[in-house]
Amino acid sequence: MVDFRCTHMRIDKQLVKNKKIQTIPINFLFGIYNADETKNGNIMKVALLEVKINKHKEHIKVAIIDLNGTDMFLEYD
């Protein structure tokens, strides 16, 4: 695992399109920046995902962005 200093969960927009993952628009705009502080775009929609680990299940909203072939970045807490 590599620490990309990711502070929000992100999912690749092409993966969302290919898998037909449900999305919802957000009513505010925020920028996404790469580890080198270059801007990677703005978030305008989120994907709705269900995460299951053993018997634990929760629903999360994940920012949609172009990740250039990487499926998803997980945030650190």
PDB file of N, CA and C in Angstrom:
ATOM      1  N   MET A   1       0.846  -1.172   0.000  1.00  0.00           N
ATOM      2  CA  MET A   1       0.000   0.000   0.000  1.00  0.00           C
ATOM      3  C   MET A   1       0.892   1.237   0.000  1.00  0.00           C
ATOM      4  N   VAL A   2       0.486   2.227  -0.761  1.00  0.00           N
ATOM      5  CA  VAL A   2       1.229   3.476  -0.862  1.00  0.00           C
ATOM      6  C   VAL A   2       0.395   4.585  -0.259  1.00  0.00           C
ATOM      7  N   ASP A   3       1.015   5.474   0.518  1.00  0.00           N
ATOM      8  CA  ASP A   3       0.317   6.599   1.118  1.00  0.00           C
ATOM      9  C   ASP A   3       0.300   7.759   0.128  1.00  0.00           C
ATOM     10  N   PHE A   4      -0.852   8.017  -0.485  1.00  0.00           N
ATOM     11  CA  PHE A   4      -1.007   9.117  -1.431  1.00  0.00           C
ATOM     12  C   PHE A   4      -1.535  10.375  -0.752  1.00  0.00           C
ATOM     13  N   ARG A   5      -1.662  10.345   0.589  1.00  0.00           N
ATOM     14  CA  ARG A   5      -2.207  11.471   1.347  1.00  0.00           C
ATOM     15  C   ARG A   5      -3.633  11.811   0.903  1.00  0.00           C
ATOM     16  N   CYS A   6      -4.387  10.799   0.587  1.00  0.00           N
ATOM     17  CA  CYS A   6      -5.753  10.975   0.111  1.00  0.00           C
ATOM     18  C   CYS A   6      -6.668  11.264   1.301  1.00  0.00           C
ATOM     19  N   THR A   7      -7.335  12.402   1.270  1.00  0.00           N
ATOM     20  CA  THR A   7      -8.187  12.796   2.385  1.00  0.00           C
ATOM     21  C   THR A   7      -9.670  12.574   2.112  1.00  0.00           C
ATOM     22  N   HIS A   8     -10.020  12.177   0.905  1.00  0.00           N
ATOM     23  CA  HIS A   8     -11.393  11.835   0.554  1.00  0.00           C
ATOM     24  C   HIS A   8     -11.368  10.590  -0.327  1.00  0.00           C
ATOM     25  N   MET A   9     -12.387   9.769  -0.177  1.00  0.00           N
ATOM     26  CA  MET A   9     -12.476   8.607  -1.053  1.00  0.00           C
ATOM     27  C   MET A   9     -12.801   9.086  -2.461  1.00  0.00           C
ATOM     28  N   ARG A  10     -12.165   8.458  -3.459  1.00  0.00           N
ATOM     29  CA  ARG A  10     -12.371   8.822  -4.856  1.00  0.00           C
ATOM     30  C   ARG A  10     -12.544   7.555  -5.668  1.00  0.00           C
ATOM     31  N   ILE A  11     -13.363   7.655  -6.710  1.00  0.00           N
ATOM     32  CA  ILE A  11     -13.567   6.538  -7.615  1.00  0.00           C
ATOM     33  C   ILE A  11     -13.405   7.068  -9.041  1.00  0.00           C
ATOM     34  N   ASP A  12     -12.860   6.243  -9.904  1.00  0.00           N
ATOM     35  CA  ASP A  12     -12.590   6.652 -11.277  1.00  0.00           C
ATOM     36  C   ASP A  12     -13.894   6.817 -12.058  1.00  0.00           C
ATOM     37  N   LYS A  13     -14.004   7.927 -12.798  1.00  0.00           N
ATOM     38  CA  LYS A  13     -15.248   8.202 -13.527  1.00  0.00           C
ATOM     39  C   LYS A  13     -15.528   7.169 -14.614  1.00  0.00           C
ATOM     40  N   GLN A  14     -14.498   6.584 -15.210  1.00  0.00           N
ATOM     41  CA  GLN A  14     -14.707   5.559 -16.234  1.00  0.00           C
ATOM     42  C   GLN A  14     -15.241   4.271 -15.606  1.00  0.00           C
ATOM     43  N   LEU A  15     -14.764   3.927 -14.414  1.00  0.00           N
ATOM     44  CA  LEU A  15     -15.273   2.751 -13.700  1.00  0.00           C
ATOM     45  C   LEU A  15     -16.751   2.936 -13.375  1.00  0.00           C
ATOM     46  N   VAL A  16     -17.117   4.129 -12.910  1.00  0.00           N
ATOM     47  CA  VAL A  16     -18.517   4.428 -12.598  1.00  0.00           C
ATOM     48  C   VAL A  16     -19.378   4.250 -13.846  1.00  0.00           C
ATOM     49  N   LYS A  17     -18.901   4.747 -14.973  1.00  0.00           N
ATOM     50  CA  LYS A  17     -19.638   4.628 -16.231  1.00  0.00           C
ATOM     51  C   LYS A  17     -19.742   3.167 -16.675  1.00  0.00           C
ATOM     52  N   ASN A  18     -18.605   2.447 -16.659  1.00  0.00           N
ATOM     53  CA  ASN A  18     -18.583   1.052 -17.119  1.00  0.00           C
ATOM     54  C   ASN A  18     -19.456   0.139 -16.273  1.00  0.00           C
ATOM     55  N   LYS A  19     -19.457   0.349 -14.961  1.00  0.00           N
ATOM     56  CA  LYS A  19     -20.217  -0.506 -14.033  1.00  0.00           C
ATOM     57  C   LYS A  19     -21.627   0.012 -13.771  1.00  0.00           C
ATOM     58  N   LYS A  20     -21.961   1.176 -14.385  1.00  0.00           N
ATOM     59  CA  LYS A  20     -23.291   1.783 -14.220  1.00  0.00           C
ATOM     60  C   LYS A  20     -23.631   1.980 -12.742  1.00  0.00           C
ATOM     61  N   ILE A  21     -22.674   2.531 -12.014  1.00  0.00           N
ATOM     62  CA  ILE A  21     -22.851   2.796 -10.585  1.00  0.00           C
ATOM     63  C   ILE A  21     -23.739   4.030 -10.419  1.00  0.00           C
ATOM     64  N   GLN A  22     -24.688   3.953  -9.503  1.00  0.00           N
ATOM     65  CA  GLN A  22     -25.607   5.065  -9.254  1.00  0.00           C
ATOM     66  C   GLN A  22     -24.831   6.284  -8.762  1.00  0.00           C
ATOM     67  N   THR A  23     -25.184   7.456  -9.289  1.00  0.00           N
ATOM     68  CA  THR A  23     -24.553   8.708  -8.876  1.00  0.00           C
ATOM     69  C   THR A  23     -25.628   9.726  -8.505  1.00  0.00           C
ATOM     70  N   ILE A  24     -25.213  10.707  -7.707  1.00  0.00           N
ATOM     71  CA  ILE A  24     -26.090  11.837  -7.409  1.00  0.00           C
ATOM     72  C   ILE A  24     -25.257  13.112  -7.492  1.00  0.00           C
ATOM     73  N   PRO A  25     -25.881  14.198  -7.993  1.00  0.00           N
ATOM     74  CA  PRO A  25     -25.158  15.471  -8.028  1.00  0.00           C
ATOM     75  C   PRO A  25     -25.041  16.038  -6.616  1.00  0.00           C
ATOM     76  N   ILE A  26     -24.024  16.838  -6.399  1.00  0.00           N
ATOM     77  CA  ILE A  26     -23.898  17.521  -5.114  1.00  0.00           C
ATOM     78  C   ILE A  26     -24.209  18.995  -5.338  1.00  0.00           C
ATOM     79  N   ASN A  27     -24.649  19.678  -4.297  1.00  0.00           N
ATOM     80  CA  ASN A  27     -25.090  21.061  -4.446  1.00  0.00           C
ATOM     81  C   ASN A  27     -23.998  22.073  -4.093  1.00  0.00           C
ATOM     82  N   PHE A  28     -22.753  21.625  -4.108  1.00  0.00           N
ATOM     83  CA  PHE A  28     -21.613  22.510  -3.907  1.00  0.00           C
ATOM     84  C   PHE A  28     -20.473  21.972  -4.751  1.00  0.00           C
ATOM     85  N   LEU A  29     -19.459  22.753  -4.939  1.00  0.00           N
ATOM     86  CA  LEU A  29     -18.332  22.363  -5.784  1.00  0.00           C
ATOM     87  C   LEU A  29     -17.060  22.401  -4.949  1.00  0.00           C
ATOM     88  N   PHE A  30     -16.251  21.358  -5.034  1.00  0.00           N
ATOM     89  CA  PHE A  30     -14.947  21.440  -4.376  1.00  0.00           C
ATOM     90  C   PHE A  30     -13.880  20.833  -5.264  1.00  0.00           C
ATOM     91  N   GLY A  31     -12.691  21.396  -5.173  1.00  0.00           N
ATOM     92  CA  GLY A  31     -11.581  20.960  -6.005  1.00  0.00           C
ATOM     93  C   GLY A  31     -10.866  19.757  -5.433  1.00  0.00           C
ATOM     94  N   ILE A  32     -10.306  18.966  -6.318  1.00  0.00           N
ATOM     95  CA  ILE A  32      -9.495  17.811  -5.945  1.00  0.00           C
ATOM     96  C   ILE A  32      -8.075  18.088  -6.415  1.00  0.00           C
ATOM     97  N   TYR A  33      -7.122  17.853  -5.521  1.00  0.00           N
ATOM     98  CA  TYR A  33      -5.718  18.115  -5.820  1.00  0.00           C
ATOM     99  C   TYR A  33      -4.898  16.840  -5.685  1.00  0.00           C
ATOM    100  N   ASN A  34      -3.897  16.689  -6.533  1.00  0.00           N
ATOM    101  CA  ASN A  34      -2.978  15.558  -6.491  1.00  0.00           C
ATOM    102  C   ASN A  34      -1.973  15.755  -5.357  1.00  0.00           C
ATOM    103  N   ALA A  35      -1.193  14.716  -5.079  1.00  0.00           N
ATOM    104  CA  ALA A  35      -0.190  14.783  -4.015  1.00  0.00           C
ATOM    105  C   ALA A  35       0.835  15.891  -4.270  1.00  0.00           C
ATOM    106  N   ASP A  36       1.091  16.202  -5.550  1.00  0.00           N
ATOM    107  CA  ASP A  36       2.051  17.268  -5.870  1.00  0.00           C
ATOM    108  C   ASP A  36       1.387  18.647  -5.916  1.00  0.00           C
ATOM    109  N   GLU A  37       0.138  18.721  -5.432  1.00  0.00           N
ATOM    110  CA  GLU A  37      -0.641  19.951  -5.305  1.00  0.00           C
ATOM    111  C   GLU A  37      -1.148  20.521  -6.632  1.00  0.00           C
ATOM    112  N   THR A  38      -1.081  19.739  -7.729  1.00  0.00           N
ATOM    113  CA  THR A  38      -1.695  20.172  -8.977  1.00  0.00           C
ATOM    114  C   THR A  38      -3.177  19.809  -8.928  1.00  0.00           C
ATOM    115  N   LYS A  39      -4.005  20.646  -9.539  1.00  0.00           N
ATOM    116  CA  LYS A  39      -5.441  20.414  -9.507  1.00  0.00           C
ATOM    117  C   LYS A  39      -5.828  19.291 -10.461  1.00  0.00           C
ATOM    118  N   ASN A  40      -6.702  18.398  -9.991  1.00  0.00           N
ATOM    119  CA  ASN A  40      -7.167  17.256 -10.777  1.00  0.00           C
ATOM    120  C   ASN A  40      -8.633  17.417 -11.167  1.00  0.00           C
ATOM    121  N   GLY A  41      -9.217  18.555 -10.934  1.00  0.00           N
ATOM    122  CA  GLY A  41     -10.607  18.772 -11.334  1.00  0.00           C
ATOM    123  C   GLY A  41     -11.487  19.151 -10.173  1.00  0.00           C
ATOM    124  N   ASN A  42     -12.777  19.229 -10.462  1.00  0.00           N
ATOM    125  CA  ASN A  42     -13.788  19.555  -9.460  1.00  0.00           C
ATOM    126  C   ASN A  42     -14.763  18.401  -9.322  1.00  0.00           C
ATOM    127  N   ILE A  43     -15.255  18.213  -8.137  1.00  0.00           N
ATOM    128  CA  ILE A  43     -16.252  17.186  -7.870  1.00  0.00           C
ATOM    129  C   ILE A  43     -17.631  17.802  -8.065  1.00  0.00           C
ATOM    130  N   MET A  44     -18.441  17.169  -8.913  1.00  0.00           N
ATOM    131  CA  MET A  44     -19.800  17.637  -9.145  1.00  0.00           C
ATOM    132  C   MET A  44     -20.833  16.554  -8.843  1.00  0.00           C
ATOM    133  N   LYS A  45     -20.354  15.286  -8.753  1.00  0.00           N
ATOM    134  CA  LYS A  45     -21.232  14.155  -8.441  1.00  0.00           C
ATOM    135  C   LYS A  45     -20.495  13.189  -7.520  1.00  0.00           C
ATOM    136  N   VAL A  46     -21.267  12.404  -6.801  1.00  0.00           N
ATOM    137  CA  VAL A  46     -20.705  11.336  -5.983  1.00  0.00           C
ATOM    138  C   VAL A  46     -21.364  10.017  -6.367  1.00  0.00           C
ATOM    139  N   ALA A  47     -20.635   8.936  -6.162  1.00  0.00           N
ATOM    140  CA  ALA A  47     -21.160   7.587  -6.387  1.00  0.00           C
ATOM    141  C   ALA A  47     -21.671   7.040  -5.063  1.00  0.00           C
ATOM    142  N   LEU A  48     -22.756   6.303  -5.122  1.00  0.00           N
ATOM    143  CA  LEU A  48     -23.327   5.685  -3.927  1.00  0.00           C
ATOM    144  C   LEU A  48     -22.887   4.226  -3.883  1.00  0.00           C
ATOM    145  N   LEU A  49     -22.132   3.873  -2.857  1.00  0.00           N
ATOM    146  CA  LEU A  49     -21.597   2.515  -2.741  1.00  0.00           C
ATOM    147  C   LEU A  49     -21.999   1.889  -1.418  1.00  0.00           C
ATOM    148  N   GLU A  50     -22.110   0.563  -1.432  1.00  0.00           N
ATOM    149  CA  GLU A  50     -22.319  -0.200  -0.213  1.00  0.00           C
ATOM    150  C   GLU A  50     -21.035  -0.964   0.067  1.00  0.00           C
ATOM    151  N   VAL A  51     -20.487  -0.786   1.253  1.00  0.00           N
ATOM    152  CA  VAL A  51     -19.245  -1.454   1.639  1.00  0.00           C
ATOM    153  C   VAL A  51     -19.581  -2.482   2.715  1.00  0.00           C
ATOM    154  N   LYS A  52     -19.115  -3.727   2.479  1.00  0.00           N
ATOM    155  CA  LYS A  52     -19.335  -4.793   3.451  1.00  0.00           C
ATOM    156  C   LYS A  52     -17.988  -5.384   3.850  1.00  0.00           C
ATOM    157  N   ILE A  53     -17.752  -5.448   5.151  1.00  0.00           N
ATOM    158  CA  ILE A  53     -16.568  -6.100   5.707  1.00  0.00           C
ATOM    159  C   ILE A  53     -17.071  -7.061   6.777  1.00  0.00           C
ATOM    160  N   ASN A  54     -16.924  -8.347   6.493  1.00  0.00           N
ATOM    161  CA  ASN A  54     -17.499  -9.391   7.356  1.00  0.00           C
ATOM    162  C   ASN A  54     -18.983  -9.103   7.540  1.00  0.00           C
ATOM    163  N   LYS A  55     -19.430  -8.873   8.765  1.00  0.00           N
ATOM    164  CA  LYS A  55     -20.850  -8.629   9.008  1.00  0.00           C
ATOM    165  C   LYS A  55     -21.191  -7.142   9.064  1.00  0.00           C
ATOM    166  N   HIS A  56     -20.190  -6.302   8.968  1.00  0.00           N
ATOM    167  CA  HIS A  56     -20.414  -4.851   8.994  1.00  0.00           C
ATOM    168  C   HIS A  56     -20.730  -4.343   7.585  1.00  0.00           C
ATOM    169  N   LYS A  57     -21.761  -3.500   7.482  1.00  0.00           N
ATOM    170  CA  LYS A  57     -22.158  -2.950   6.190  1.00  0.00           C
ATOM    171  C   LYS A  57     -22.493  -1.476   6.378  1.00  0.00           C
ATOM    172  N   GLU A  58     -22.031  -0.644   5.445  1.00  0.00           N
ATOM    173  CA  GLU A  58     -22.433   0.760   5.469  1.00  0.00           C
ATOM    174  C   GLU A  58     -22.506   1.313   4.055  1.00  0.00           C
ATOM    175  N   HIS A  59     -23.269   2.377   3.906  1.00  0.00           N
ATOM    176  CA  HIS A  59     -23.414   3.060   2.627  1.00  0.00           C
ATOM    177  C   HIS A  59     -22.547   4.311   2.659  1.00  0.00           C
ATOM    178  N   ILE A  60     -21.788   4.525   1.590  1.00  0.00           N
ATOM    179  CA  ILE A  60     -20.895   5.678   1.531  1.00  0.00           C
ATOM    180  C   ILE A  60     -21.084   6.424   0.214  1.00  0.00           C
ATOM    181  N   LYS A  61     -20.727   7.697   0.240  1.00  0.00           N
ATOM    182  CA  LYS A  61     -20.717   8.532  -0.957  1.00  0.00           C
ATOM    183  C   LYS A  61     -19.262   8.791  -1.304  1.00  0.00           C
ATOM    184  N   VAL A  62     -18.897   8.534  -2.561  1.00  0.00           N
ATOM    185  CA  VAL A  62     -17.509   8.614  -3.002  1.00  0.00           C
ATOM    186  C   VAL A  62     -17.393   9.617  -4.152  1.00  0.00           C
ATOM    187  N   ALA A  63     -16.438  10.533  -4.044  1.00  0.00           N
ATOM    188  CA  ALA A  63     -16.218  11.538  -5.081  1.00  0.00           C
ATOM    189  C   ALA A  63     -15.796  10.873  -6.386  1.00  0.00           C
ATOM    190  N   ILE A  64     -16.350  11.347  -7.509  1.00  0.00           N
ATOM    191  CA  ILE A  64     -16.034  10.811  -8.837  1.00  0.00           C
ATOM    192  C   ILE A  64     -15.041  11.746  -9.510  1.00  0.00           C
ATOM    193  N   ILE A  65     -13.920  11.173  -9.974  1.00  0.00           N
ATOM    194  CA  ILE A  65     -12.850  11.958 -10.594  1.00  0.00           C
ATOM    195  C   ILE A  65     -12.089  11.066 -11.577  1.00  0.00           C
ATOM    196  N   ASP A  66     -11.354  11.655 -12.482  1.00  0.00           N
ATOM    197  CA  ASP A  66     -10.514  10.895 -13.408  1.00  0.00           C
ATOM    198  C   ASP A  66      -9.254  10.437 -12.673  1.00  0.00           C
ATOM    199  N   LEU A  67      -9.120   9.129 -12.476  1.00  0.00           N
ATOM    200  CA  LEU A  67      -7.957   8.569 -11.776  1.00  0.00           C
ATOM    201  C   LEU A  67      -6.989   7.886 -12.743  1.00  0.00           C
ATOM    202  N   ASN A  68      -7.139   8.121 -14.017  1.00  0.00           N
ATOM    203  CA  ASN A  68      -6.215   7.599 -15.031  1.00  0.00           C
ATOM    204  C   ASN A  68      -5.948   6.105 -14.901  1.00  0.00           C
ATOM    205  N   GLY A  69      -7.014   5.315 -14.819  1.00  0.00           N
ATOM    206  CA  GLY A  69      -6.858   3.864 -14.817  1.00  0.00           C
ATOM    207  C   GLY A  69      -6.820   3.208 -13.450  1.00  0.00           C
ATOM    208  N   THR A  70      -6.686   3.989 -12.389  1.00  0.00           N
ATOM    209  CA  THR A  70      -6.778   3.435 -11.037  1.00  0.00           C
ATOM    210  C   THR A  70      -8.253   3.425 -10.658  1.00  0.00           C
ATOM    211  N   ASP A  71      -8.751   2.308 -10.131  1.00  0.00           N
ATOM    212  CA  ASP A  71     -10.182   2.196  -9.845  1.00  0.00           C
ATOM    213  C   ASP A  71     -10.635   3.117  -8.721  1.00  0.00           C
ATOM    214  N   MET A  72      -9.872   3.134  -7.619  1.00  0.00           N
ATOM    215  CA  MET A  72     -10.364   3.851  -6.441  1.00  0.00           C
ATOM    216  C   MET A  72      -9.208   4.210  -5.522  1.00  0.00           C
ATOM    217  N   PHE A  73      -9.328   5.352  -4.852  1.00  0.00           N
ATOM    218  CA  PHE A  73      -8.404   5.737  -3.785  1.00  0.00           C
ATOM    219  C   PHE A  73      -9.209   5.720  -2.496  1.00  0.00           C
ATOM    220  N   LEU A  74      -8.664   5.097  -1.459  1.00  0.00           N
ATOM    221  CA  LEU A  74      -9.295   5.086  -0.153  1.00  0.00           C
ATOM    222  C   LEU A  74      -8.706   6.197   0.696  1.00  0.00           C
ATOM    223  N   GLU A  75      -9.536   6.815   1.513  1.00  0.00           N
ATOM    224  CA  GLU A  75      -9.036   7.888   2.368  1.00  0.00           C
ATOM    225  C   GLU A  75      -8.345   7.313   3.597  1.00  0.00           C
ATOM    226  N   TYR A  76      -7.493   8.101   4.178  1.00  0.00           N
ATOM    227  CA  TYR A  76      -6.919   7.699   5.458  1.00  0.00           C
ATOM    228  C   TYR A  76      -7.662   8.426   6.547  1.00  0.00           C
ATOM    229  N   ASP A  77      -7.705   7.821   7.711  1.00  0.00           N
ATOM    230  CA  ASP A  77      -8.478   8.382   8.815  1.00  0.00           C
ATOM    231  C   ASP A  77      -7.590   8.565  10.013  1.00  0.00           C
TER     232      ASP A  77
END
